[in-house]
């Protein structure tokens, strides 16, 4: 999760920390997310500006990744203050939920 126009990284789940390291927390994304292509930052900028979720494919470490991003908004005002994003390798298996058990 990033805050503000500099996309200050304030949270990363364990998979994010494994990929980018804990030193990225507290840094602007452009300084901490080394290897991120310019298109990734364009996506973060567009979501912050428009206040709407967006997604695109990016190339990171010689692999294709699907990057999805969603705005973080103030509850009372609706103003966008940050962006949350998720990365998924093209080669990752989809996560499928088990079907609900039949009703009795």
PDB file of N, CA and C in Angstrom:
ATOM      1  N   UNK A   1       0.846  -1.177   0.000  1.00  0.00           N
ATOM      2  CA  UNK A   1       0.000   0.000   0.000  1.00  0.00           C
ATOM      3  C   UNK A   1       0.890   1.238   0.000  1.00  0.00           C
ATOM      4  N   UNK A   2       0.500   2.209  -0.802  1.00  0.00           N
ATOM      5  CA  UNK A   2       1.280   3.441  -0.954  1.00  0.00           C
ATOM      6  C   UNK A   2       0.413   4.654  -0.618  1.00  0.00           C
ATOM      7  N   UNK A   3       1.054   5.693  -0.106  1.00  0.00           N
ATOM      8  CA  UNK A   3       0.355   6.934   0.225  1.00  0.00           C
ATOM      9  C   UNK A   3       0.882   8.092  -0.611  1.00  0.00           C
ATOM     10  N   UNK A   4      -0.030   8.951  -1.046  1.00  0.00           N
ATOM     11  CA  UNK A   4       0.321  10.212  -1.676  1.00  0.00           C
ATOM     12  C   UNK A   4       0.903  10.105  -3.077  1.00  0.00           C
ATOM     13  N   UNK A   5       1.170  11.281  -3.663  1.00  0.00           N
ATOM     14  CA  UNK A   5       1.672  11.322  -5.039  1.00  0.00           C
ATOM     15  C   UNK A   5       3.071  10.729  -5.196  1.00  0.00           C
ATOM     16  N   UNK A   6       3.840  10.640  -4.118  1.00  0.00           N
ATOM     17  CA  UNK A   6       5.155   9.995  -4.181  1.00  0.00           C
ATOM     18  C   UNK A   6       5.072   8.499  -3.983  1.00  0.00           C
ATOM     19  N   UNK A   7       3.870   7.990  -3.726  1.00  0.00           N
ATOM     20  CA  UNK A   7       3.627   6.561  -3.510  1.00  0.00           C
ATOM     21  C   UNK A   7       4.557   6.008  -2.426  1.00  0.00           C
ATOM     22  N   UNK A   8       4.494   6.633  -1.255  1.00  0.00           N
ATOM     23  CA  UNK A   8       5.270   6.190  -0.107  1.00  0.00           C
ATOM     24  C   UNK A   8       4.771   4.805   0.308  1.00  0.00           C
ATOM     25  N   UNK A   9       5.640   3.814   0.297  1.00  0.00           N
ATOM     26  CA  UNK A   9       5.256   2.441   0.630  1.00  0.00           C
ATOM     27  C   UNK A   9       5.099   2.337   2.146  1.00  0.00           C
ATOM     28  N   UNK A  10       3.868   2.048   2.594  1.00  0.00           N
ATOM     29  CA  UNK A  10       3.599   1.985   4.033  1.00  0.00           C
ATOM     30  C   UNK A  10       3.234   0.580   4.499  1.00  0.00           C
ATOM     31  N   UNK A  11       2.952  -0.318   3.577  1.00  0.00           N
ATOM     32  CA  UNK A  11       2.625  -1.684   3.967  1.00  0.00           C
ATOM     33  C   UNK A  11       2.960  -2.631   2.826  1.00  0.00           C
ATOM     34  N   UNK A  12       3.469  -3.800   3.196  1.00  0.00           N
ATOM     35  CA  UNK A  12       3.673  -4.879   2.245  1.00  0.00           C
ATOM     36  C   UNK A  12       3.412  -6.198   2.940  1.00  0.00           C
ATOM     37  N   UNK A  13       2.668  -7.078   2.312  1.00  0.00           N
ATOM     38  CA  UNK A  13       2.410  -8.388   2.913  1.00  0.00           C
ATOM     39  C   UNK A  13       3.684  -9.230   2.852  1.00  0.00           C
ATOM     40  N   UNK A  14       3.698 -10.404   3.458  1.00  0.00           N
ATOM     41  CA  UNK A  14       4.919 -11.213   3.472  1.00  0.00           C
ATOM     42  C   UNK A  14       5.479 -11.522   2.080  1.00  0.00           C
ATOM     43  N   UNK A  15       4.624 -11.759   1.095  1.00  0.00           N
ATOM     44  CA  UNK A  15       5.104 -12.033  -0.261  1.00  0.00           C
ATOM     45  C   UNK A  15       5.804 -10.801  -0.845  1.00  0.00           C
ATOM     46  N   UNK A  16       5.269  -9.627  -0.569  1.00  0.00           N
ATOM     47  CA  UNK A  16       5.890  -8.380  -1.029  1.00  0.00           C
ATOM     48  C   UNK A  16       7.262  -8.208  -0.385  1.00  0.00           C
ATOM     49  N   UNK A  17       7.343  -8.424   0.911  1.00  0.00           N
ATOM     50  CA  UNK A  17       8.615  -8.286   1.633  1.00  0.00           C
ATOM     51  C   UNK A  17       9.634  -9.298   1.106  1.00  0.00           C
ATOM     52  N   UNK A  18       9.197 -10.529   0.829  1.00  0.00           N
ATOM     53  CA  UNK A  18      10.103 -11.533   0.255  1.00  0.00           C
ATOM     54  C   UNK A  18      10.655 -11.073  -1.091  1.00  0.00           C
ATOM     55  N   UNK A  19       9.811 -10.454  -1.894  1.00  0.00           N
ATOM     56  CA  UNK A  19      10.207 -10.033  -3.247  1.00  0.00           C
ATOM     57  C   UNK A  19      11.073  -8.774  -3.241  1.00  0.00           C
ATOM     58  N   UNK A  20      10.701  -7.776  -2.422  1.00  0.00           N
ATOM     59  CA  UNK A  20      11.346  -6.466  -2.496  1.00  0.00           C
ATOM     60  C   UNK A  20      12.153  -6.083  -1.259  1.00  0.00           C
ATOM     61  N   UNK A  21      11.972  -6.806  -0.164  1.00  0.00           N
ATOM     62  CA  UNK A  21      12.717  -6.525   1.051  1.00  0.00           C
ATOM     63  C   UNK A  21      12.000  -5.535   1.956  1.00  0.00           C
ATOM     64  N   UNK A  22      12.258  -5.644   3.248  1.00  0.00           N
ATOM     65  CA  UNK A  22      11.601  -4.761   4.224  1.00  0.00           C
ATOM     66  C   UNK A  22      12.123  -3.331   4.146  1.00  0.00           C
ATOM     67  N   UNK A  23      13.285  -3.132   3.532  1.00  0.00           N
ATOM     68  CA  UNK A  23      13.842  -1.779   3.408  1.00  0.00           C
ATOM     69  C   UNK A  23      13.002  -0.891   2.498  1.00  0.00           C
ATOM     70  N   UNK A  24      12.094  -1.480   1.700  1.00  0.00           N
ATOM     71  CA  UNK A  24      11.234  -0.669   0.839  1.00  0.00           C
ATOM     72  C   UNK A  24      10.170   0.079   1.635  1.00  0.00           C
ATOM     73  N   UNK A  25       9.825  -0.448   2.822  1.00  0.00           N
ATOM     74  CA  UNK A  25       8.816   0.224   3.647  1.00  0.00           C
ATOM     75  C   UNK A  25       9.358   1.569   4.102  1.00  0.00           C
ATOM     76  N   UNK A  26       8.555   2.591   3.906  1.00  0.00           N
ATOM     77  CA  UNK A  26       8.959   3.935   4.290  1.00  0.00           C
ATOM     78  C   UNK A  26       9.651   4.707   3.180  1.00  0.00           C
ATOM     79  N   UNK A  27       9.859   4.078   2.036  1.00  0.00           N
ATOM     80  CA  UNK A  27      10.482   4.756   0.895  1.00  0.00           C
ATOM     81  C   UNK A  27       9.444   5.053  -0.177  1.00  0.00           C
ATOM     82  N   UNK A  28       9.645   6.119  -0.949  1.00  0.00           N
ATOM     83  CA  UNK A  28       8.807   6.310  -2.132  1.00  0.00           C
ATOM     84  C   UNK A  28       8.997   5.116  -3.072  1.00  0.00           C
ATOM     85  N   UNK A  29       7.933   4.682  -3.712  1.00  0.00           N
ATOM     86  CA  UNK A  29       7.987   3.496  -4.569  1.00  0.00           C
ATOM     87  C   UNK A  29       9.077   3.603  -5.637  1.00  0.00           C
ATOM     88  N   UNK A  30       9.255   4.781  -6.213  1.00  0.00           N
ATOM     89  CA  UNK A  30      10.259   4.938  -7.268  1.00  0.00           C
ATOM     90  C   UNK A  30      11.686   4.734  -6.754  1.00  0.00           C
ATOM     91  N   UNK A  31      11.888   4.891  -5.461  1.00  0.00           N
ATOM     92  CA  UNK A  31      13.213   4.674  -4.877  1.00  0.00           C
ATOM     93  C   UNK A  31      13.381   3.257  -4.348  1.00  0.00           C
ATOM     94  N   UNK A  32      12.316   2.663  -3.865  1.00  0.00           N
ATOM     95  CA  UNK A  32      12.430   1.363  -3.213  1.00  0.00           C
ATOM     96  C   UNK A  32      12.127   0.165  -4.085  1.00  0.00           C
ATOM     97  N   UNK A  33      11.278   0.339  -5.080  1.00  0.00           N
ATOM     98  CA  UNK A  33      10.878  -0.795  -5.909  1.00  0.00           C
ATOM     99  C   UNK A  33      11.776  -0.860  -7.140  1.00  0.00           C
ATOM    100  N   UNK A  34      13.010  -1.215  -6.893  1.00  0.00           N
ATOM    101  CA  UNK A  34      14.003  -1.283  -7.961  1.00  0.00           C
ATOM    102  C   UNK A  34      13.601  -2.368  -8.955  1.00  0.00           C
ATOM    103  N   UNK A  35      13.754  -2.067 -10.200  1.00  0.00           N
ATOM    104  CA  UNK A  35      13.390  -3.011 -11.242  1.00  0.00           C
ATOM    105  C   UNK A  35      11.974  -2.843 -11.745  1.00  0.00           C
ATOM    106  N   UNK A  36      11.163  -2.042 -11.032  1.00  0.00           N
ATOM    107  CA  UNK A  36       9.808  -1.777 -11.523  1.00  0.00           C
ATOM    108  C   UNK A  36       9.901  -0.985 -12.817  1.00  0.00           C
ATOM    109  N   UNK A  37       9.158  -1.367 -13.857  1.00  0.00           N
ATOM    110  CA  UNK A  37       9.187  -0.607 -15.104  1.00  0.00           C
ATOM    111  C   UNK A  37       8.389   0.688 -14.966  1.00  0.00           C
ATOM    112  N   UNK A  38       8.668   1.662 -15.818  1.00  0.00           N
ATOM    113  CA  UNK A  38       7.922   2.930 -15.768  1.00  0.00           C
ATOM    114  C   UNK A  38       6.408   2.735 -15.866  1.00  0.00           C
ATOM    115  N   UNK A  39       5.967   1.710 -16.594  1.00  0.00           N
ATOM    116  CA  UNK A  39       4.530   1.461 -16.761  1.00  0.00           C
ATOM    117  C   UNK A  39       3.847   1.166 -15.421  1.00  0.00           C
ATOM    118  N   UNK A  40       4.574   0.578 -14.490  1.00  0.00           N
ATOM    119  CA  UNK A  40       3.996   0.289 -13.175  1.00  0.00           C
ATOM    120  C   UNK A  40       3.699   1.592 -12.432  1.00  0.00           C
ATOM    121  N   UNK A  41       4.628   2.531 -12.509  1.00  0.00           N
ATOM    122  CA  UNK A  41       4.415   3.814 -11.840  1.00  0.00           C
ATOM    123  C   UNK A  41       3.339   4.628 -12.560  1.00  0.00           C
ATOM    124  N   UNK A  42       3.252   4.481 -13.888  1.00  0.00           N
ATOM    125  CA  UNK A  42       2.174   5.129 -14.627  1.00  0.00           C
ATOM    126  C   UNK A  42       0.823   4.639 -14.128  1.00  0.00           C
ATOM    127  N   UNK A  43       0.733   3.335 -13.849  1.00  0.00           N
ATOM    128  CA  UNK A  43      -0.511   2.771 -13.339  1.00  0.00           C
ATOM    129  C   UNK A  43      -0.846   3.340 -11.963  1.00  0.00           C
ATOM    130  N   UNK A  44       0.133   3.381 -11.066  1.00  0.00           N
ATOM    131  CA  UNK A  44      -0.107   3.952  -9.731  1.00  0.00           C
ATOM    132  C   UNK A  44      -0.542   5.414  -9.832  1.00  0.00           C
ATOM    133  N   UNK A  45       0.123   6.182 -10.686  1.00  0.00           N
ATOM    134  CA  UNK A  45      -0.238   7.592 -10.882  1.00  0.00           C
ATOM    135  C   UNK A  45      -1.663   7.728 -11.401  1.00  0.00           C
ATOM    136  N   UNK A  46      -2.034   6.889 -12.382  1.00  0.00           N
ATOM    137  CA  UNK A  46      -3.369   6.972 -12.987  1.00  0.00           C
ATOM    138  C   UNK A  46      -4.461   6.644 -11.968  1.00  0.00           C
ATOM    139  N   UNK A  47      -4.230   5.640 -11.135  1.00  0.00           N
ATOM    140  CA  UNK A  47      -5.227   5.277 -10.115  1.00  0.00           C
ATOM    141  C   UNK A  47      -5.355   6.384  -9.077  1.00  0.00           C
ATOM    142  N   UNK A  48      -4.234   6.940  -8.656  1.00  0.00           N
ATOM    143  CA  UNK A  48      -4.283   8.031  -7.684  1.00  0.00           C
ATOM    144  C   UNK A  48      -5.011   9.241  -8.262  1.00  0.00           C
ATOM    145  N   UNK A  49      -4.736   9.567  -9.517  1.00  0.00           N
ATOM    146  CA  UNK A  49      -5.360  10.733 -10.164  1.00  0.00           C
ATOM    147  C   UNK A  49      -6.846  10.531 -10.426  1.00  0.00           C
ATOM    148  N   UNK A  50      -7.219   9.363 -10.949  1.00  0.00           N
ATOM    149  CA  UNK A  50      -8.610   9.128 -11.359  1.00  0.00           C
ATOM    150  C   UNK A  50      -9.483   8.626 -10.212  1.00  0.00           C
ATOM    151  N   UNK A  51      -8.856   8.029  -9.181  1.00  0.00           N
ATOM    152  CA  UNK A  51      -9.649   7.477  -8.089  1.00  0.00           C
ATOM    153  C   UNK A  51     -10.440   6.251  -8.487  1.00  0.00           C
ATOM    154  N   UNK A  52      -9.963   5.549  -9.533  1.00  0.00           N
ATOM    155  CA  UNK A  52     -10.640   4.337 -10.016  1.00  0.00           C
ATOM    156  C   UNK A  52      -9.623   3.209 -10.149  1.00  0.00           C
ATOM    157  N   UNK A  53     -10.043   1.962  -9.908  1.00  0.00           N
ATOM    158  CA  UNK A  53      -9.115   0.839 -10.063  1.00  0.00           C
ATOM    159  C   UNK A  53      -8.729   0.637 -11.528  1.00  0.00           C
ATOM    160  N   UNK A  54      -7.528   0.136 -11.717  1.00  0.00           N
ATOM    161  CA  UNK A  54      -7.027  -0.166 -13.058  1.00  0.00           C
ATOM    162  C   UNK A  54      -6.070  -1.341 -12.965  1.00  0.00           C
ATOM    163  N   UNK A  55      -5.766  -1.924 -14.116  1.00  0.00           N
ATOM    164  CA  UNK A  55      -4.834  -3.053 -14.163  1.00  0.00           C
ATOM    165  C   UNK A  55      -4.095  -3.039 -15.490  1.00  0.00           C
ATOM    166  N   UNK A  56      -2.939  -3.711 -15.506  1.00  0.00           N
ATOM    167  CA  UNK A  56      -2.159  -3.849 -16.738  1.00  0.00           C
ATOM    168  C   UNK A  56      -1.110  -4.938 -16.533  1.00  0.00           C
ATOM    169  N   UNK A  57      -0.570  -5.417 -17.617  1.00  0.00           N
ATOM    170  CA  UNK A  57       0.557  -6.339 -17.569  1.00  0.00           C
ATOM    171  C   UNK A  57       1.840  -5.528 -17.533  1.00  0.00           C
ATOM    172  N   UNK A  58       2.781  -5.969 -16.686  1.00  0.00           N
ATOM    173  CA  UNK A  58       4.103  -5.344 -16.651  1.00  0.00           C
ATOM    174  C   UNK A  58       5.155  -6.437 -16.774  1.00  0.00           C
ATOM    175  N   UNK A  59       6.357  -6.037 -17.113  1.00  0.00           N
ATOM    176  CA  UNK A  59       7.485  -6.970 -17.192  1.00  0.00           C
ATOM    177  C   UNK A  59       8.402  -6.675 -16.019  1.00  0.00           C
ATOM    178  N   UNK A  60       8.629  -7.664 -15.161  1.00  0.00           N
ATOM    179  CA  UNK A  60       9.437  -7.493 -13.961  1.00  0.00           C
ATOM    180  C   UNK A  60      10.313  -8.732 -13.803  1.00  0.00           C
ATOM    181  N   UNK A  61      11.619  -8.520 -13.732  1.00  0.00           N
ATOM    182  CA  UNK A  61      12.575  -9.624 -13.552  1.00  0.00           C
ATOM    183  C   UNK A  61      12.380 -10.707 -14.615  1.00  0.00           C
ATOM    184  N   UNK A  62      12.259 -10.266 -15.851  1.00  0.00           N
ATOM    185  CA  UNK A  62      12.119 -11.175 -16.999  1.00  0.00           C
ATOM    186  C   UNK A  62      10.887 -12.069 -16.944  1.00  0.00           C
ATOM    187  N   UNK A  63       9.858 -11.614 -16.234  1.00  0.00           N
ATOM    188  CA  UNK A  63       8.589 -12.339 -16.180  1.00  0.00           C
ATOM    189  C   UNK A  63       7.446 -11.356 -16.393  1.00  0.00           C
ATOM    190  N   UNK A  64       6.341 -11.867 -16.931  1.00  0.00           N
ATOM    191  CA  UNK A  64       5.129 -11.064 -17.064  1.00  0.00           C
ATOM    192  C   UNK A  64       4.338 -11.159 -15.768  1.00  0.00           C
ATOM    193  N   UNK A  65       3.893 -10.001 -15.288  1.00  0.00           N
ATOM    194  CA  UNK A  65       3.100  -9.902 -14.062  1.00  0.00           C
ATOM    195  C   UNK A  65       1.840  -9.100 -14.356  1.00  0.00           C
ATOM    196  N   UNK A  66       0.728  -9.490 -13.758  1.00  0.00           N
ATOM    197  CA  UNK A  66      -0.499  -8.709 -13.807  1.00  0.00           C
ATOM    198  C   UNK A  66      -0.490  -7.816 -12.580  1.00  0.00           C
ATOM    199  N   UNK A  67      -0.529  -6.517 -12.812  1.00  0.00           N
ATOM    200  CA  UNK A  67      -0.553  -5.549 -11.720  1.00  0.00           C
ATOM    201  C   UNK A  67      -1.936  -4.926 -11.676  1.00  0.00           C
ATOM    202  N   UNK A  68      -2.601  -5.082 -10.553  1.00  0.00           N
ATOM    203  CA  UNK A  68      -3.895  -4.443 -10.335  1.00  0.00           C
ATOM    204  C   UNK A  68      -3.730  -3.425  -9.221  1.00  0.00           C
ATOM    205  N   UNK A  69      -4.398  -2.307  -9.344  1.00  0.00           N
ATOM    206  CA  UNK A  69      -4.276  -1.238  -8.357  1.00  0.00           C
ATOM    207  C   UNK A  69      -5.655  -0.649  -8.079  1.00  0.00           C
ATOM    208  N   UNK A  70      -5.872  -0.310  -6.822  1.00  0.00           N
ATOM    209  CA  UNK A  70      -7.153   0.263  -6.396  1.00  0.00           C
ATOM    210  C   UNK A  70      -6.891   1.482  -5.523  1.00  0.00           C
ATOM    211  N   UNK A  71      -7.739   2.494  -5.645  1.00  0.00           N
ATOM    212  CA  UNK A  71      -7.553   3.686  -4.820  1.00  0.00           C
ATOM    213  C   UNK A  71      -7.912   3.428  -3.362  1.00  0.00           C
ATOM    214  N   UNK A  72      -7.236   4.120  -2.479  1.00  0.00           N
ATOM    215  CA  UNK A  72      -7.570   4.163  -1.055  1.00  0.00           C
ATOM    216  C   UNK A  72      -8.211   5.526  -0.841  1.00  0.00           C
ATOM    217  N   UNK A  73      -9.421   5.535  -0.321  1.00  0.00           N
ATOM    218  CA  UNK A  73     -10.153   6.796  -0.199  1.00  0.00           C
ATOM    219  C   UNK A  73     -10.568   7.061   1.236  1.00  0.00           C
ATOM    220  N   UNK A  74     -10.631   8.353   1.562  1.00  0.00           N
ATOM    221  CA  UNK A  74     -11.125   8.802   2.867  1.00  0.00           C
ATOM    222  C   UNK A  74     -12.601   8.472   2.960  1.00  0.00           C
ATOM    223  N   UNK A  75     -12.996   7.892   4.062  1.00  0.00           N
ATOM    224  CA  UNK A  75     -14.380   7.482   4.238  1.00  0.00           C
ATOM    225  C   UNK A  75     -15.347   8.667   4.183  1.00  0.00           C
ATOM    226  N   UNK A  76     -15.043   9.727   4.876  1.00  0.00           N
ATOM    227  CA  UNK A  76     -15.964  10.863   4.954  1.00  0.00           C
ATOM    228  C   UNK A  76     -16.014  11.725   3.713  1.00  0.00           C
ATOM    229  N   UNK A  77     -14.862  11.912   3.061  1.00  0.00           N
ATOM    230  CA  UNK A  77     -14.800  12.858   1.947  1.00  0.00           C
ATOM    231  C   UNK A  77     -14.750  12.189   0.574  1.00  0.00           C
ATOM    232  N   UNK A  78     -14.347  10.929   0.543  1.00  0.00           N
ATOM    233  CA  UNK A  78     -14.202  10.248  -0.746  1.00  0.00           C
ATOM    234  C   UNK A  78     -12.929  10.618  -1.481  1.00  0.00           C
ATOM    235  N   UNK A  79     -12.081  11.441  -0.857  1.00  0.00           N
ATOM    236  CA  UNK A  79     -10.832  11.847  -1.502  1.00  0.00           C
ATOM    237  C   UNK A  79      -9.835  10.687  -1.508  1.00  0.00           C
ATOM    238  N   UNK A  80      -9.144  10.514  -2.631  1.00  0.00           N
ATOM    239  CA  UNK A  80      -8.145   9.453  -2.760  1.00  0.00           C
ATOM    240  C   UNK A  80      -6.844   9.909  -2.114  1.00  0.00           C
ATOM    241  N   UNK A  81      -6.344   9.099  -1.182  1.00  0.00           N
ATOM    242  CA  UNK A  81      -5.103   9.453  -0.484  1.00  0.00           C
ATOM    243  C   UNK A  81      -3.969   8.463  -0.772  1.00  0.00           C
ATOM    244  N   UNK A  82      -4.273   7.362  -1.426  1.00  0.00           N
ATOM    245  CA  UNK A  82      -3.235   6.373  -1.695  1.00  0.00           C
ATOM    246  C   UNK A  82      -3.714   5.306  -2.649  1.00  0.00           C
ATOM    247  N   UNK A  83      -2.849   4.316  -2.868  1.00  0.00           N
ATOM    248  CA  UNK A  83      -3.132   3.238  -3.806  1.00  0.00           C
ATOM    249  C   UNK A  83      -2.655   1.922  -3.198  1.00  0.00           C
ATOM    250  N   UNK A  84      -3.490   0.912  -3.297  1.00  0.00           N
ATOM    251  CA  UNK A  84      -3.077  -0.450  -2.962  1.00  0.00           C
ATOM    252  C   UNK A  84      -2.883  -1.193  -4.278  1.00  0.00           C
ATOM    253  N   UNK A  85      -1.872  -2.049  -4.323  1.00  0.00           N
ATOM    254  CA  UNK A  85      -1.677  -2.803  -5.559  1.00  0.00           C
ATOM    255  C   UNK A  85      -1.326  -4.246  -5.272  1.00  0.00           C
ATOM    256  N   UNK A  86      -1.551  -5.070  -6.273  1.00  0.00           N
ATOM    257  CA  UNK A  86      -1.328  -6.511  -6.176  1.00  0.00           C
ATOM    258  C   UNK A  86      -0.612  -6.962  -7.445  1.00  0.00           C
ATOM    259  N   UNK A  87       0.340  -7.862  -7.271  1.00  0.00           N
ATOM    260  CA  UNK A  87       1.086  -8.427  -8.398  1.00  0.00           C
ATOM    261  C   UNK A  87       0.865  -9.932  -8.443  1.00  0.00           C
ATOM    262  N   UNK A  88       0.707 -10.453  -9.651  1.00  0.00           N
ATOM    263  CA  UNK A  88       0.547 -11.893  -9.845  1.00  0.00           C
ATOM    264  C   UNK A  88       1.266 -12.303 -11.115  1.00  0.00           C
ATOM    265  N   UNK A  89       2.161 -13.293 -10.986  1.00  0.00           N
ATOM    266  CA  UNK A  89       2.877 -13.795 -12.162  1.00  0.00           C
ATOM    267  C   UNK A  89       1.897 -14.418 -13.152  1.00  0.00           C
ATOM    268  N   UNK A  90       2.184 -14.247 -14.424  1.00  0.00           N
ATOM    269  CA  UNK A  90       1.350 -14.886 -15.446  1.00  0.00           C
ATOM    270  C   UNK A  90       1.354 -16.402 -15.247  1.00  0.00           C
ATOM    271  N   UNK A  91       2.475 -16.935 -14.784  1.00  0.00           N
ATOM    272  CA  UNK A  91       2.606 -18.381 -14.629  1.00  0.00           C
ATOM    273  C   UNK A  91       1.947 -18.930 -13.364  1.00  0.00           C
ATOM    274  N   UNK A  92       1.472 -18.063 -12.463  1.00  0.00           N
ATOM    275  CA  UNK A  92       0.833 -18.539 -11.228  1.00  0.00           C
ATOM    276  C   UNK A  92      -0.457 -19.291 -11.543  1.00  0.00           C
ATOM    277  N   UNK A  93      -0.675 -20.339 -10.779  1.00  0.00           N
ATOM    278  CA  UNK A  93      -1.934 -21.073 -10.887  1.00  0.00           C
ATOM    279  C   UNK A  93      -3.048 -20.214 -10.299  1.00  0.00           C
ATOM    280  N   UNK A  94      -4.222 -20.220 -10.920  1.00  0.00           N
ATOM    281  CA  UNK A  94      -5.319 -19.432 -10.345  1.00  0.00           C
ATOM    282  C   UNK A  94      -5.755 -20.002  -8.992  1.00  0.00           C
ATOM    283  N   UNK A  95      -6.220 -19.121  -8.143  1.00  0.00           N
ATOM    284  CA  UNK A  95      -6.745 -19.531  -6.847  1.00  0.00           C
ATOM    285  C   UNK A  95      -8.229 -19.805  -7.046  1.00  0.00           C
ATOM    286  N   UNK A  96      -8.613 -21.047  -6.823  1.00  0.00           N
ATOM    287  CA  UNK A  96     -10.014 -21.438  -6.992  1.00  0.00           C
ATOM    288  C   UNK A  96     -10.607 -21.792  -5.647  1.00  0.00           C
ATOM    289  N   UNK A  97     -11.764 -21.263  -5.402  1.00  0.00           N
ATOM    290  CA  UNK A  97     -12.466 -21.597  -4.160  1.00  0.00           C
ATOM    291  C   UNK A  97     -13.197 -22.901  -4.358  1.00  0.00           C
ATOM    292  N   UNK A  98     -13.236 -23.707  -3.331  1.00  0.00           N
ATOM    293  CA  UNK A  98     -13.969 -24.959  -3.392  1.00  0.00           C
ATOM    294  C   UNK A  98     -15.467 -24.650  -3.491  1.00  0.00           C
ATOM    295  N   UNK A  99     -16.190 -25.451  -4.259  1.00  0.00           N
ATOM    296  CA  UNK A  99     -17.643 -25.205  -4.326  1.00  0.00           C
ATOM    297  C   UNK A  99     -18.279 -25.420  -2.953  1.00  0.00           C
ATOM    298  N   UNK A 100     -19.330 -24.681  -2.727  1.00  0.00           N
ATOM    299  CA  UNK A 100     -20.067 -24.810  -1.461  1.00  0.00           C
ATOM    300  C   UNK A 100     -20.672 -26.207  -1.373  1.00  0.00           C
ATOM    301  N   UNK A 101     -20.703 -26.785  -0.170  1.00  0.00           N
ATOM    302  CA  UNK A 101     -21.332 -28.106  -0.035  1.00  0.00           C
ATOM    303  C   UNK A 101     -22.828 -28.007  -0.323  1.00  0.00           C
ATOM    304  N   UNK A 102     -23.398 -29.065  -0.831  1.00  0.00           N
ATOM    305  CA  UNK A 102     -24.845 -29.017  -1.140  1.00  0.00           C
ATOM    306  C   UNK A 102     -25.662 -28.803   0.136  1.00  0.00           C
ATOM    307  N   UNK A 103     -26.755 -28.103  -0.028  1.00  0.00           N
ATOM    308  CA  UNK A 103     -27.652 -27.864   1.115  1.00  0.00           C
ATOM    309  C   UNK A 103     -28.426 -29.125   1.432  1.00  0.00           C
ATOM    310  N   UNK A 104     -28.745 -29.314   2.698  1.00  0.00           N
ATOM    311  CA  UNK A 104     -29.511 -30.495   3.119  1.00  0.00           C
ATOM    312  C   UNK A 104     -30.918 -30.148   3.432  1.00  0.00           C
TER     313      UNK A 104
END
